């Protein structure tokens, strides 16, 4: 099976040794994604705006892998729309003190 490595170009990827996302077959794993800005600019100040940056980075990685946020949302909705489970947020210290959000994702690419 082919392994596709996807980079967002963030300096941490090369420095730490990881990919933004990895696709193997119909599965895509997206690394924990913080609001890393071009040129190491300051991220937006609010958690909402940082989450939007994170989701944009994730969306671009999924598109490069042949997937989309639509597939992630649809799968989540199918699994949890009725049950609406509790979820957990974990507070940790992120690599950059300017960050207050980090998002991780997985996707399954559905074949038509």
C-alpha atoms as a PDB file:
ATOM      1  CA  UNK A   1       0.000   0.000   0.000  1.00  0.00           C
ATOM      2  CA  UNK A   2       1.248   3.494  -0.834  1.00  0.00           C
ATOM      3  CA  UNK A   3       2.020   5.940   1.966  1.00  0.00           C
ATOM      4  CA  UNK A   4       1.444   9.606   1.070  1.00  0.00           C
ATOM      5  CA  UNK A   5       3.143  12.187   3.300  1.00  0.00           C
ATOM      6  CA  UNK A   6       1.573  15.649   3.348  1.00  0.00           C
ATOM      7  CA  UNK A   7       3.342  18.771   4.604  1.00  0.00           C
ATOM      8  CA  UNK A   8       1.941  22.181   5.489  1.00  0.00           C
ATOM      9  CA  UNK A   9       5.412  23.698   5.320  1.00  0.00           C
ATOM     10  CA  UNK A  10       5.534  24.501   9.046  1.00  0.00           C
ATOM     11  CA  UNK A  11       9.083  24.621  10.414  1.00  0.00           C
ATOM     12  CA  UNK A  12       8.112  22.242  13.238  1.00  0.00           C
ATOM     13  CA  UNK A  13       7.513  19.422  10.736  1.00  0.00           C
ATOM     14  CA  UNK A  14      11.146  19.282   9.677  1.00  0.00           C
ATOM     15  CA  UNK A  15      12.550  20.239  13.086  1.00  0.00           C
ATOM     16  CA  UNK A  16      10.580  17.602  15.014  1.00  0.00           C
ATOM     17  CA  UNK A  17      10.309  15.048  12.201  1.00  0.00           C
ATOM     18  CA  UNK A  18       6.627  14.557  11.400  1.00  0.00           C
ATOM     19  CA  UNK A  19       4.107  15.088   8.604  1.00  0.00           C
ATOM     20  CA  UNK A  20       1.011  17.276   8.801  1.00  0.00           C
ATOM     21  CA  UNK A  21      -0.939  14.301   7.474  1.00  0.00           C
ATOM     22  CA  UNK A  22      -0.342  10.740   6.294  1.00  0.00           C
ATOM     23  CA  UNK A  23      -2.604   8.871   3.882  1.00  0.00           C
ATOM     24  CA  UNK A  24      -2.505   5.088   3.551  1.00  0.00           C
ATOM     25  CA  UNK A  25      -5.258   3.607   1.410  1.00  0.00           C
ATOM     26  CA  UNK A  26      -8.554   5.205   2.377  1.00  0.00           C
ATOM     27  CA  UNK A  27      -7.333   6.480   5.765  1.00  0.00           C
ATOM     28  CA  UNK A  28      -5.892   9.914   6.517  1.00  0.00           C
ATOM     29  CA  UNK A  29      -4.365  10.869   9.853  1.00  0.00           C
ATOM     30  CA  UNK A  30      -3.828  14.569  10.506  1.00  0.00           C
ATOM     31  CA  UNK A  31      -1.327  15.524  13.195  1.00  0.00           C
ATOM     32  CA  UNK A  32      -2.292  17.786  16.053  1.00  0.00           C
ATOM     33  CA  UNK A  33      -2.629  21.143  14.322  1.00  0.00           C
ATOM     34  CA  UNK A  34      -1.896  24.435  16.072  1.00  0.00           C
ATOM     35  CA  UNK A  35      -2.496  27.906  14.598  1.00  0.00           C
ATOM     36  CA  UNK A  36       0.929  28.125  12.944  1.00  0.00           C
ATOM     37  CA  UNK A  37       1.061  31.327  10.919  1.00  0.00           C
ATOM     38  CA  UNK A  38       3.165  32.026   7.810  1.00  0.00           C
ATOM     39  CA  UNK A  39       6.544  33.508   8.671  1.00  0.00           C
ATOM     40  CA  UNK A  40       5.976  32.735  12.360  1.00  0.00           C
ATOM     41  CA  UNK A  41       3.605  35.689  12.617  1.00  0.00           C
ATOM     42  CA  UNK A  42       1.523  36.004  15.766  1.00  0.00           C
ATOM     43  CA  UNK A  43      -1.631  33.872  15.636  1.00  0.00           C
ATOM     44  CA  UNK A  44      -5.031  35.480  16.173  1.00  0.00           C
ATOM     45  CA  UNK A  45      -5.706  36.326  19.801  1.00  0.00           C
ATOM     46  CA  UNK A  46      -8.959  34.447  20.402  1.00  0.00           C
ATOM     47  CA  UNK A  47      -9.515  30.687  20.658  1.00  0.00           C
ATOM     48  CA  UNK A  48     -12.290  30.992  18.043  1.00  0.00           C
ATOM     49  CA  UNK A  49      -9.996  32.618  15.488  1.00  0.00           C
ATOM     50  CA  UNK A  50      -7.170  30.190  16.295  1.00  0.00           C
ATOM     51  CA  UNK A  51      -9.547  27.263  15.777  1.00  0.00           C
ATOM     52  CA  UNK A  52     -10.478  28.698  12.356  1.00  0.00           C
ATOM     53  CA  UNK A  53      -6.760  28.814  11.416  1.00  0.00           C
ATOM     54  CA  UNK A  54      -6.291  25.207  12.608  1.00  0.00           C
ATOM     55  CA  UNK A  55      -9.294  23.990  10.636  1.00  0.00           C
ATOM     56  CA  UNK A  56      -8.015  25.771   7.521  1.00  0.00           C
ATOM     57  CA  UNK A  57      -4.663  23.978   7.812  1.00  0.00           C
ATOM     58  CA  UNK A  58      -6.459  20.648   8.346  1.00  0.00           C
ATOM     59  CA  UNK A  59      -8.784  21.297   5.398  1.00  0.00           C
ATOM     60  CA  UNK A  60      -5.830  21.951   3.053  1.00  0.00           C
ATOM     61  CA  UNK A  61      -4.088  18.743   4.230  1.00  0.00           C
ATOM     62  CA  UNK A  62      -7.270  16.697   3.711  1.00  0.00           C
ATOM     63  CA  UNK A  63      -7.765  18.179   0.237  1.00  0.00           C
ATOM     64  CA  UNK A  64      -4.195  17.242  -0.719  1.00  0.00           C
ATOM     65  CA  UNK A  65      -4.951  13.699   0.485  1.00  0.00           C
ATOM     66  CA  UNK A  66      -8.093  13.560  -1.661  1.00  0.00           C
ATOM     67  CA  UNK A  67     -10.547  14.082   1.200  1.00  0.00           C
ATOM     68  CA  UNK A  68     -12.370  17.023   2.771  1.00  0.00           C
ATOM     69  CA  UNK A  69     -13.808  18.370   5.981  1.00  0.00           C
ATOM     70  CA  UNK A  70     -17.239  17.388   4.611  1.00  0.00           C
ATOM     71  CA  UNK A  71     -16.314  13.714   4.922  1.00  0.00           C
ATOM     72  CA  UNK A  72     -15.087  14.195   8.494  1.00  0.00           C
ATOM     73  CA  UNK A  73     -18.244  16.059   9.493  1.00  0.00           C
ATOM     74  CA  UNK A  74     -20.526  13.589   7.750  1.00  0.00           C
ATOM     75  CA  UNK A  75     -18.869  10.588   9.419  1.00  0.00           C
ATOM     76  CA  UNK A  76     -19.029  12.272  12.831  1.00  0.00           C
ATOM     77  CA  UNK A  77     -22.683  13.161  12.326  1.00  0.00           C
ATOM     78  CA  UNK A  78     -23.591   9.641  11.235  1.00  0.00           C
ATOM     79  CA  UNK A  79     -21.916   8.174  14.289  1.00  0.00           C
ATOM     80  CA  UNK A  80     -22.974  10.677  16.935  1.00  0.00           C
ATOM     81  CA  UNK A  81     -25.934  12.796  15.758  1.00  0.00           C
ATOM     82  CA  UNK A  82     -28.449  10.875  17.868  1.00  0.00           C
ATOM     83  CA  UNK A  83     -26.220   9.836  20.780  1.00  0.00           C
ATOM     84  CA  UNK A  84     -24.539  13.235  21.121  1.00  0.00           C
ATOM     85  CA  UNK A  85     -21.872  11.881  23.481  1.00  0.00           C
ATOM     86  CA  UNK A  86     -19.909  13.816  26.016  1.00  0.00           C
ATOM     87  CA  UNK A  87     -16.468  14.776  24.841  1.00  0.00           C
ATOM     88  CA  UNK A  88     -13.257  15.720  26.546  1.00  0.00           C
ATOM     89  CA  UNK A  89     -11.046  18.738  26.129  1.00  0.00           C
ATOM     90  CA  UNK A  90      -7.538  18.365  27.469  1.00  0.00           C
ATOM     91  CA  UNK A  91      -5.587  21.404  28.578  1.00  0.00           C
ATOM     92  CA  UNK A  92      -1.856  21.120  28.065  1.00  0.00           C
ATOM     93  CA  UNK A  93       1.030  23.411  27.419  1.00  0.00           C
ATOM     94  CA  UNK A  94       1.500  23.764  23.677  1.00  0.00           C
ATOM     95  CA  UNK A  95       4.877  24.285  21.997  1.00  0.00           C
ATOM     96  CA  UNK A  96       4.290  27.997  21.481  1.00  0.00           C
ATOM     97  CA  UNK A  97       2.827  30.074  24.333  1.00  0.00           C
ATOM     98  CA  UNK A  98       0.848  32.144  21.780  1.00  0.00           C
ATOM     99  CA  UNK A  99      -1.260  29.090  20.908  1.00  0.00           C
ATOM    100  CA  UNK A 100      -4.422  28.273  22.825  1.00  0.00           C
ATOM    101  CA  UNK A 101      -5.878  25.714  20.379  1.00  0.00           C
ATOM    102  CA  UNK A 102      -4.646  22.484  18.767  1.00  0.00           C
ATOM    103  CA  UNK A 103      -6.880  20.184  16.719  1.00  0.00           C
ATOM    104  CA  UNK A 104      -6.274  16.617  15.555  1.00  0.00           C
ATOM    105  CA  UNK A 105      -8.296  14.811  12.874  1.00  0.00           C
ATOM    106  CA  UNK A 106      -8.737  11.490  11.093  1.00  0.00           C
ATOM    107  CA  UNK A 107     -10.606  10.861   7.862  1.00  0.00           C
ATOM    108  CA  UNK A 108     -11.817   7.943   5.811  1.00  0.00           C
ATOM    109  CA  UNK A 109     -12.007   8.506   2.070  1.00  0.00           C
ATOM    110  CA  UNK A 110     -15.288   7.095   0.827  1.00  0.00           C
ATOM    111  CA  UNK A 111     -15.228   5.536  -2.609  1.00  0.00           C
ATOM    112  CA  UNK A 112     -18.287   6.348  -4.808  1.00  0.00           C
END
